């Protein structure tokens, strides 16, 4: 134990989540969150505050492509969901960057 840990000064670790594409465990803030919308479609949750179960994907095209090919969204969101084509998903992910 270090001196800081003995004094109760532990650094809080950021929340970690797994990418449903590549399965790497990364800080939640570095991933894009997808949720199931009320009409059972996959939607991007840029604020990461929407209620319900989320599926996290790295902000890399390859990871999103793997998640799409593996049908990982249905598994991660625990139900049948309508997943748009890959190009539409990629555009949704990048919309956040365009707005900033």
N, C-alpha and C. Protein backbone atom coordinates (compact mmCIF):
# COMPACT_ATOMS: atom_id res chain seq x y z
N UNK A 1 0.84 -1.19 0.00
CA UNK A 1 0.00 0.00 0.00
C UNK A 1 0.88 1.24 0.00
N UNK A 2 0.49 2.19 -0.83
CA UNK A 2 1.25 3.44 -0.86
C UNK A 2 0.76 4.36 0.24
N UNK A 3 1.52 5.41 0.48
CA UNK A 3 1.17 6.37 1.52
C UNK A 3 -0.18 7.02 1.24
N UNK A 4 -0.44 7.35 -0.03
CA UNK A 4 -1.72 7.97 -0.39
C UNK A 4 -2.89 7.04 -0.12
N UNK A 5 -2.71 5.74 -0.38
CA UNK A 5 -3.79 4.79 -0.13
C UNK A 5 -4.04 4.64 1.36
N UNK A 6 -3.00 4.69 2.18
CA UNK A 6 -3.17 4.58 3.63
C UNK A 6 -3.89 5.80 4.19
N UNK A 7 -3.70 6.95 3.55
CA UNK A 7 -4.36 8.16 4.01
C UNK A 7 -5.76 8.32 3.43
N UNK A 8 -6.22 7.36 2.66
CA UNK A 8 -7.56 7.43 2.09
C UNK A 8 -7.64 8.27 0.83
N UNK A 9 -6.51 8.55 0.19
CA UNK A 9 -6.49 9.37 -1.02
C UNK A 9 -6.42 8.51 -2.28
N UNK A 10 -7.28 7.52 -2.38
CA UNK A 10 -7.28 6.67 -3.56
C UNK A 10 -7.86 7.43 -4.74
N UNK A 11 -7.28 7.22 -5.88
CA UNK A 11 -7.82 7.83 -7.10
C UNK A 11 -8.99 6.98 -7.57
N UNK A 12 -10.06 7.64 -7.90
CA UNK A 12 -11.23 6.93 -8.37
C UNK A 12 -11.00 6.50 -9.82
N UNK A 13 -11.24 5.23 -10.09
CA UNK A 13 -11.07 4.70 -11.43
C UNK A 13 -12.29 5.04 -12.28
N UNK A 14 -12.08 5.38 -13.56
CA UNK A 14 -13.24 5.68 -14.42
C UNK A 14 -14.03 4.40 -14.69
N UNK A 15 -15.33 4.51 -14.95
CA UNK A 15 -16.11 3.31 -15.27
C UNK A 15 -15.61 2.69 -16.57
N UNK A 16 -15.54 1.37 -16.60
CA UNK A 16 -15.05 0.65 -17.77
C UNK A 16 -16.20 -0.09 -18.43
N UNK A 17 -16.16 -0.19 -19.77
CA UNK A 17 -17.15 -0.92 -20.53
C UNK A 17 -16.44 -1.70 -21.63
N UNK A 18 -17.08 -2.75 -22.11
CA UNK A 18 -16.52 -3.57 -23.20
C UNK A 18 -17.11 -3.14 -24.53
N UNK A 19 -16.28 -3.05 -25.54
CA UNK A 19 -16.72 -2.77 -26.89
C UNK A 19 -17.36 -4.06 -27.43
N UNK A 20 -18.58 -3.96 -27.98
CA UNK A 20 -19.24 -5.15 -28.51
C UNK A 20 -18.64 -5.59 -29.84
N UNK A 21 -17.78 -4.79 -30.43
CA UNK A 21 -17.11 -5.15 -31.67
C UNK A 21 -15.82 -5.91 -31.41
N UNK A 22 -14.86 -5.25 -30.79
CA UNK A 22 -13.54 -5.86 -30.59
C UNK A 22 -13.37 -6.50 -29.21
N UNK A 23 -14.31 -6.26 -28.30
CA UNK A 23 -14.33 -6.84 -26.94
C UNK A 23 -13.26 -6.26 -26.01
N UNK A 24 -12.60 -5.17 -26.41
CA UNK A 24 -11.63 -4.52 -25.52
C UNK A 24 -12.38 -3.79 -24.41
N UNK A 25 -11.78 -3.75 -23.23
CA UNK A 25 -12.35 -3.02 -22.11
C UNK A 25 -11.67 -1.65 -22.06
N UNK A 26 -12.49 -0.60 -22.16
CA UNK A 26 -11.99 0.77 -22.22
C UNK A 26 -12.82 1.66 -21.31
N UNK A 27 -12.30 2.85 -20.99
CA UNK A 27 -13.11 3.79 -20.21
C UNK A 27 -14.39 4.14 -20.97
N UNK A 28 -15.47 4.24 -20.24
CA UNK A 28 -16.78 4.52 -20.82
C UNK A 28 -16.77 5.78 -21.68
N UNK A 29 -16.01 6.77 -21.27
CA UNK A 29 -15.98 8.06 -21.97
C UNK A 29 -15.37 7.96 -23.37
N UNK A 30 -14.60 6.90 -23.65
CA UNK A 30 -13.96 6.78 -24.96
C UNK A 30 -14.77 5.91 -25.92
N UNK A 31 -15.95 5.47 -25.50
CA UNK A 31 -16.79 4.62 -26.33
C UNK A 31 -18.07 5.35 -26.72
N UNK A 32 -18.70 4.87 -27.78
CA UNK A 32 -20.00 5.40 -28.22
C UNK A 32 -21.07 4.46 -27.69
N UNK A 33 -22.12 5.02 -27.10
CA UNK A 33 -23.19 4.21 -26.52
C UNK A 33 -24.38 4.15 -27.48
N UNK A 34 -24.88 2.94 -27.69
CA UNK A 34 -26.08 2.71 -28.50
C UNK A 34 -27.17 2.19 -27.57
N UNK A 35 -28.40 2.60 -27.82
CA UNK A 35 -29.54 2.15 -27.04
C UNK A 35 -30.64 1.70 -27.99
N UNK A 36 -31.62 0.99 -27.43
CA UNK A 36 -32.80 0.60 -28.20
C UNK A 36 -33.84 1.69 -28.04
N UNK A 37 -34.29 2.25 -29.14
CA UNK A 37 -35.31 3.29 -29.10
C UNK A 37 -36.68 2.65 -28.87
N UNK A 38 -37.69 3.45 -28.54
CA UNK A 38 -39.04 2.89 -28.30
C UNK A 38 -39.59 2.09 -29.49
N UNK A 39 -39.15 2.39 -30.71
CA UNK A 39 -39.62 1.63 -31.87
C UNK A 39 -38.68 0.47 -32.22
N UNK A 40 -37.88 0.03 -31.26
CA UNK A 40 -36.95 -1.10 -31.38
C UNK A 40 -35.87 -0.91 -32.44
N UNK A 41 -35.47 0.31 -32.66
CA UNK A 41 -34.36 0.60 -33.57
C UNK A 41 -33.14 0.98 -32.74
N UNK A 42 -31.97 0.76 -33.30
CA UNK A 42 -30.73 1.14 -32.63
C UNK A 42 -30.52 2.64 -32.81
N UNK A 43 -30.23 3.32 -31.71
CA UNK A 43 -30.00 4.77 -31.76
C UNK A 43 -28.73 5.09 -30.99
N UNK A 44 -28.02 6.12 -31.42
CA UNK A 44 -26.80 6.56 -30.73
C UNK A 44 -27.20 7.46 -29.56
N UNK A 45 -26.59 7.21 -28.42
CA UNK A 45 -26.84 8.01 -27.22
C UNK A 45 -25.57 8.82 -26.94
N UNK A 46 -25.42 9.96 -27.60
CA UNK A 46 -24.20 10.76 -27.44
C UNK A 46 -24.03 11.27 -26.02
N UNK A 47 -25.13 11.54 -25.33
CA UNK A 47 -25.03 12.06 -23.96
C UNK A 47 -24.72 10.97 -22.94
N UNK A 48 -24.88 9.71 -23.34
CA UNK A 48 -24.67 8.54 -22.49
C UNK A 48 -25.54 8.59 -21.23
N UNK A 49 -26.74 9.16 -21.36
CA UNK A 49 -27.65 9.27 -20.21
C UNK A 49 -29.03 8.71 -20.47
N UNK A 50 -29.28 8.16 -21.66
CA UNK A 50 -30.61 7.62 -21.96
C UNK A 50 -30.88 6.43 -21.04
N UNK A 51 -32.14 6.27 -20.63
CA UNK A 51 -32.45 5.14 -19.75
C UNK A 51 -32.37 3.81 -20.49
N UNK A 52 -32.11 2.77 -19.76
CA UNK A 52 -32.10 1.43 -20.33
C UNK A 52 -30.71 0.90 -20.60
N UNK A 53 -30.71 -0.30 -21.13
CA UNK A 53 -29.47 -1.01 -21.41
C UNK A 53 -28.75 -0.37 -22.59
N UNK A 54 -27.45 -0.34 -22.53
CA UNK A 54 -26.66 0.24 -23.61
C UNK A 54 -25.66 -0.76 -24.16
N UNK A 55 -25.28 -0.54 -25.40
CA UNK A 55 -24.23 -1.32 -26.06
C UNK A 55 -23.14 -0.32 -26.43
N UNK A 56 -21.92 -0.63 -26.09
CA UNK A 56 -20.81 0.30 -26.30
C UNK A 56 -19.90 -0.19 -27.42
N UNK A 57 -19.45 0.76 -28.25
CA UNK A 57 -18.57 0.45 -29.37
C UNK A 57 -17.46 1.49 -29.42
N UNK A 58 -16.24 1.04 -29.75
CA UNK A 58 -15.12 1.96 -29.95
C UNK A 58 -15.48 2.96 -31.05
N UNK A 59 -14.81 4.09 -31.04
CA UNK A 59 -15.06 5.11 -32.06
C UNK A 59 -14.22 4.85 -33.30
N UNK A 60 -14.10 3.59 -33.67
CA UNK A 60 -13.33 3.20 -34.85
C UNK A 60 -14.25 2.48 -35.82
N UNK A 61 -14.05 2.74 -37.08
CA UNK A 61 -14.91 2.14 -38.11
C UNK A 61 -14.86 0.62 -38.07
N UNK A 62 -13.68 0.05 -37.84
CA UNK A 62 -13.53 -1.40 -37.82
C UNK A 62 -14.33 -2.06 -36.70
N UNK A 63 -14.35 -1.45 -35.55
CA UNK A 63 -15.10 -2.01 -34.41
C UNK A 63 -16.60 -1.97 -34.68
N UNK A 64 -17.06 -0.86 -35.23
CA UNK A 64 -18.48 -0.75 -35.55
C UNK A 64 -18.87 -1.76 -36.62
N UNK A 65 -17.99 -1.96 -37.59
CA UNK A 65 -18.25 -2.93 -38.65
C UNK A 65 -18.33 -4.35 -38.08
N UNK A 66 -17.42 -4.69 -37.17
CA UNK A 66 -17.46 -6.00 -36.52
C UNK A 66 -18.75 -6.20 -35.73
N UNK A 67 -19.14 -5.19 -34.97
CA UNK A 67 -20.38 -5.28 -34.18
C UNK A 67 -21.57 -5.47 -35.10
N UNK A 68 -21.59 -4.78 -36.21
CA UNK A 68 -22.69 -4.90 -37.17
C UNK A 68 -22.72 -6.29 -37.79
N UNK A 69 -21.56 -6.80 -38.20
CA UNK A 69 -21.48 -8.12 -38.83
C UNK A 69 -21.85 -9.24 -37.86
N UNK A 70 -21.46 -9.11 -36.62
CA UNK A 70 -21.71 -10.15 -35.61
C UNK A 70 -23.11 -10.08 -35.00
N UNK A 71 -23.88 -9.08 -35.40
CA UNK A 71 -25.22 -8.86 -34.83
C UNK A 71 -25.14 -8.68 -33.32
N UNK A 72 -24.11 -7.97 -32.90
CA UNK A 72 -23.84 -7.79 -31.47
C UNK A 72 -24.85 -6.87 -30.79
N UNK A 73 -25.52 -6.00 -31.53
CA UNK A 73 -26.46 -5.08 -30.91
C UNK A 73 -27.65 -5.81 -30.32
N UNK A 74 -28.17 -6.80 -31.03
CA UNK A 74 -29.31 -7.56 -30.51
C UNK A 74 -28.94 -8.31 -29.24
N UNK A 75 -27.74 -8.88 -29.22
CA UNK A 75 -27.29 -9.60 -28.02
C UNK A 75 -27.08 -8.65 -26.85
N UNK A 76 -26.38 -7.56 -27.11
CA UNK A 76 -26.04 -6.63 -26.02
C UNK A 76 -27.28 -5.91 -25.48
N UNK A 77 -28.24 -5.64 -26.35
CA UNK A 77 -29.45 -4.93 -25.92
C UNK A 77 -30.56 -5.89 -25.50
N UNK A 78 -30.25 -7.17 -25.46
CA UNK A 78 -31.15 -8.22 -24.96
C UNK A 78 -32.51 -8.24 -25.64
N UNK A 79 -32.49 -8.21 -26.96
CA UNK A 79 -33.75 -8.32 -27.69
C UNK A 79 -33.56 -8.00 -29.15
N UNK A 80 -34.60 -8.29 -29.91
CA UNK A 80 -34.55 -8.00 -31.35
C UNK A 80 -34.59 -6.49 -31.57
N UNK A 81 -33.66 -6.00 -32.35
CA UNK A 81 -33.62 -4.57 -32.68
C UNK A 81 -33.41 -4.42 -34.18
N UNK A 82 -33.91 -3.33 -34.71
CA UNK A 82 -33.69 -3.02 -36.12
C UNK A 82 -32.39 -2.23 -36.23
N UNK A 83 -31.42 -2.80 -36.90
CA UNK A 83 -30.12 -2.16 -37.05
C UNK A 83 -30.04 -1.60 -38.47
N UNK A 84 -29.82 -0.30 -38.61
CA UNK A 84 -29.68 0.26 -39.96
C UNK A 84 -28.41 -0.25 -40.63
N UNK A 85 -28.29 0.01 -41.93
CA UNK A 85 -27.09 -0.45 -42.63
C UNK A 85 -25.85 0.23 -42.04
N UNK A 86 -24.70 -0.34 -42.33
CA UNK A 86 -23.46 0.12 -41.71
C UNK A 86 -23.17 1.59 -41.99
N UNK A 87 -23.36 2.03 -43.22
CA UNK A 87 -23.05 3.43 -43.57
C UNK A 87 -23.90 4.40 -42.76
N UNK A 88 -25.16 4.05 -42.53
CA UNK A 88 -26.03 4.92 -41.73
C UNK A 88 -25.56 4.96 -40.27
N UNK A 89 -25.18 3.79 -39.74
CA UNK A 89 -24.65 3.75 -38.36
C UNK A 89 -23.40 4.61 -38.22
N UNK A 90 -22.49 4.49 -39.17
CA UNK A 90 -21.24 5.24 -39.13
C UNK A 90 -21.52 6.74 -39.20
N UNK A 91 -22.49 7.13 -40.01
CA UNK A 91 -22.88 8.54 -40.09
C UNK A 91 -23.45 9.03 -38.76
N UNK A 92 -24.22 8.19 -38.08
CA UNK A 92 -24.78 8.57 -36.76
C UNK A 92 -23.67 8.78 -35.74
N UNK A 93 -22.68 7.93 -35.76
CA UNK A 93 -21.55 8.04 -34.82
C UNK A 93 -20.78 9.33 -35.08
N UNK A 94 -20.55 9.64 -36.34
CA UNK A 94 -19.76 10.82 -36.68
C UNK A 94 -20.53 12.11 -36.63
N UNK A 95 -21.84 12.05 -36.51
CA UNK A 95 -22.66 13.27 -36.41
C UNK A 95 -22.25 14.10 -35.21
N UNK A 96 -21.86 13.46 -34.14
CA UNK A 96 -21.43 14.15 -32.92
C UNK A 96 -20.21 15.01 -33.18
N UNK A 97 -19.26 14.47 -33.97
CA UNK A 97 -18.04 15.21 -34.26
C UNK A 97 -18.33 16.42 -35.15
N UNK A 98 -19.28 16.28 -36.08
CA UNK A 98 -19.63 17.38 -36.96
C UNK A 98 -20.31 18.54 -36.21
N UNK A 99 -21.09 18.18 -35.18
CA UNK A 99 -21.82 19.20 -34.42
C UNK A 99 -20.93 19.98 -33.48
N UNK A 100 -19.79 19.40 -33.10
CA UNK A 100 -18.90 20.06 -32.13
C UNK A 100 -18.09 21.16 -32.75
